[in-house]
Amino acid sequence: ENLLLLLCSILAIMFPLILVDLGGLGTQGASVLVALPAVCITFGILYMLLLAAAISEKCTRVPALINAMSFGEGTEVSRQQTVDYISSSAAGFYVCDMRLTTGMV
């Protein structure tokens, strides 16, 4: 969570500085071309983190889905063991041993 907070705070500080720098140079768009790759990469990383967080959120629904399915007579114990295993494994995307959620991004 601290790493994501640091990344977001760096972006919040640098983005206005880039805009001020672009306006102050007065080169009529040449500086925009210089900053464009960095801005695209930054937004790409944020988009990737958002998608990973969405997948992590979907992983929390898998045990309920499996528990609602019927696999025939006598499979209740196996189904419950599978649901317990999936719940305890806490599947999802992790950054620095912290589970990535949409609340963090």
Protein backbone atom coordinates (compact mmCIF):
# COMPACT_ATOMS: atom_id res chain seq x y z
CA GLU A 1 0.00 0.00 0.00
CA ASN A 2 2.88 2.36 0.78
CA LEU A 3 4.44 1.70 -2.62
CA LEU A 4 1.21 2.55 -4.43
CA LEU A 5 0.73 5.61 -2.27
CA LEU A 6 4.26 6.72 -3.11
CA LEU A 7 3.66 6.16 -6.83
CA CYS A 8 0.42 8.13 -6.79
CA SER A 9 1.96 11.00 -4.83
CA ILE A 10 4.90 11.19 -7.25
CA LEU A 11 2.48 11.30 -10.17
CA ALA A 12 0.38 13.96 -8.46
CA ILE A 13 3.46 16.13 -7.98
CA MET A 14 5.12 15.54 -11.34
CA PHE A 15 2.13 15.87 -13.66
CA PRO A 16 1.47 19.58 -12.89
CA LEU A 17 5.21 20.26 -13.04
CA ILE A 18 5.36 18.72 -16.51
CA LEU A 19 2.47 20.92 -17.63
CA VAL A 20 4.10 24.05 -16.19
CA ASP A 21 7.40 23.10 -17.81
CA LEU A 22 5.72 22.56 -21.16
CA GLY A 23 4.07 25.96 -21.01
CA GLY A 24 7.19 27.74 -19.82
CA LEU A 25 9.53 26.52 -22.53
CA GLY A 26 7.66 28.26 -25.28
CA THR A 27 8.89 25.86 -27.97
CA GLN A 28 5.40 25.46 -29.40
CA GLY A 29 4.93 21.72 -29.00
CA ALA A 30 8.48 20.37 -29.22
CA SER A 31 8.55 19.83 -25.46
CA VAL A 32 5.19 18.05 -25.64
CA LEU A 33 6.77 15.44 -27.86
CA VAL A 34 9.56 14.97 -25.34
CA ALA A 35 7.17 14.43 -22.40
CA LEU A 36 4.59 12.36 -24.27
CA PRO A 37 6.32 8.94 -23.82
CA ALA A 38 6.69 9.45 -20.06
CA VAL A 39 3.05 10.45 -19.71
CA CYS A 40 1.89 7.47 -21.80
CA ILE A 41 4.00 5.04 -19.77
CA THR A 42 2.71 6.49 -16.50
CA PHE A 43 -0.92 6.17 -17.53
CA GLY A 44 -0.22 2.68 -18.88
CA ILE A 45 1.17 1.58 -15.51
CA LEU A 46 -1.82 3.03 -13.68
CA TYR A 47 -4.21 1.30 -16.09
CA MET A 48 -2.36 -2.01 -15.60
CA LEU A 49 -2.59 -1.65 -11.80
CA LEU A 50 -6.30 -0.92 -12.07
CA LEU A 51 -6.91 -4.04 -14.18
CA ALA A 52 -4.86 -6.19 -11.78
CA ALA A 53 -6.85 -4.82 -8.85
CA ALA A 54 -10.12 -5.64 -10.62
CA ILE A 55 -8.95 -9.23 -11.14
CA SER A 56 -8.00 -9.48 -7.46
CA GLU A 57 -11.50 -8.35 -6.54
CA LYS A 58 -13.01 -11.02 -8.80
CA CYS A 59 -10.88 -13.69 -7.10
CA THR A 60 -12.74 -13.05 -3.84
CA ARG A 61 -15.99 -14.24 -5.48
CA VAL A 62 -14.71 -17.62 -6.66
CA PRO A 63 -15.33 -19.52 -3.37
CA ALA A 64 -18.97 -18.42 -3.31
CA LEU A 65 -19.39 -19.49 -6.94
CA ILE A 66 -17.95 -22.96 -6.32
CA ASN A 67 -19.98 -23.35 -3.13
CA ALA A 68 -23.19 -22.61 -5.06
CA MET A 69 -22.50 -25.31 -7.66
CA SER A 70 -23.80 -28.84 -7.38
CA PHE A 71 -21.41 -31.65 -8.27
CA GLY A 72 -23.68 -34.57 -7.37
CA GLU A 73 -24.37 -36.68 -4.29
CA GLY A 74 -21.60 -37.16 -1.77
CA THR A 75 -19.36 -34.31 -2.97
CA GLU A 76 -20.28 -31.81 -0.25
CA VAL A 77 -17.16 -32.51 1.82
CA SER A 78 -14.83 -32.27 -1.19
CA ARG A 79 -16.55 -29.09 -2.33
CA GLN A 80 -16.19 -27.54 1.14
CA GLN A 81 -12.51 -28.50 1.26
CA THR A 82 -11.98 -26.88 -2.14
CA VAL A 83 -13.77 -23.71 -1.05
CA ASP A 84 -11.69 -23.57 2.15
CA TYR A 85 -8.48 -24.06 0.16
CA ILE A 86 -9.34 -21.28 -2.30
CA SER A 87 -10.36 -18.94 0.52
CA SER A 88 -7.18 -19.56 2.50
CA SER A 89 -4.92 -19.18 -0.55
CA ALA A 90 -6.11 -15.55 -1.03
CA ALA A 91 -5.60 -15.54 -4.78
CA GLY A 92 -4.97 -12.22 -6.49
CA PHE A 93 -2.21 -9.85 -7.48
CA TYR A 94 0.31 -8.81 -4.84
CA VAL A 95 2.72 -5.86 -4.75
CA CYS A 96 5.37 -6.04 -2.00
CA ASP A 97 3.37 -8.75 -0.18
CA MET A 98 0.26 -6.56 -0.13
CA ARG A 99 -2.84 -7.67 -2.00
CA LEU A 100 -3.73 -5.22 -4.74
CA THR A 101 -7.35 -4.04 -4.47
CA THR A 102 -9.37 -1.39 -6.22
CA GLY A 103 -9.39 0.63 -3.00
CA MET A 104 -5.62 0.98 -3.23
CA VAL A 105 -5.59 2.16 -6.84
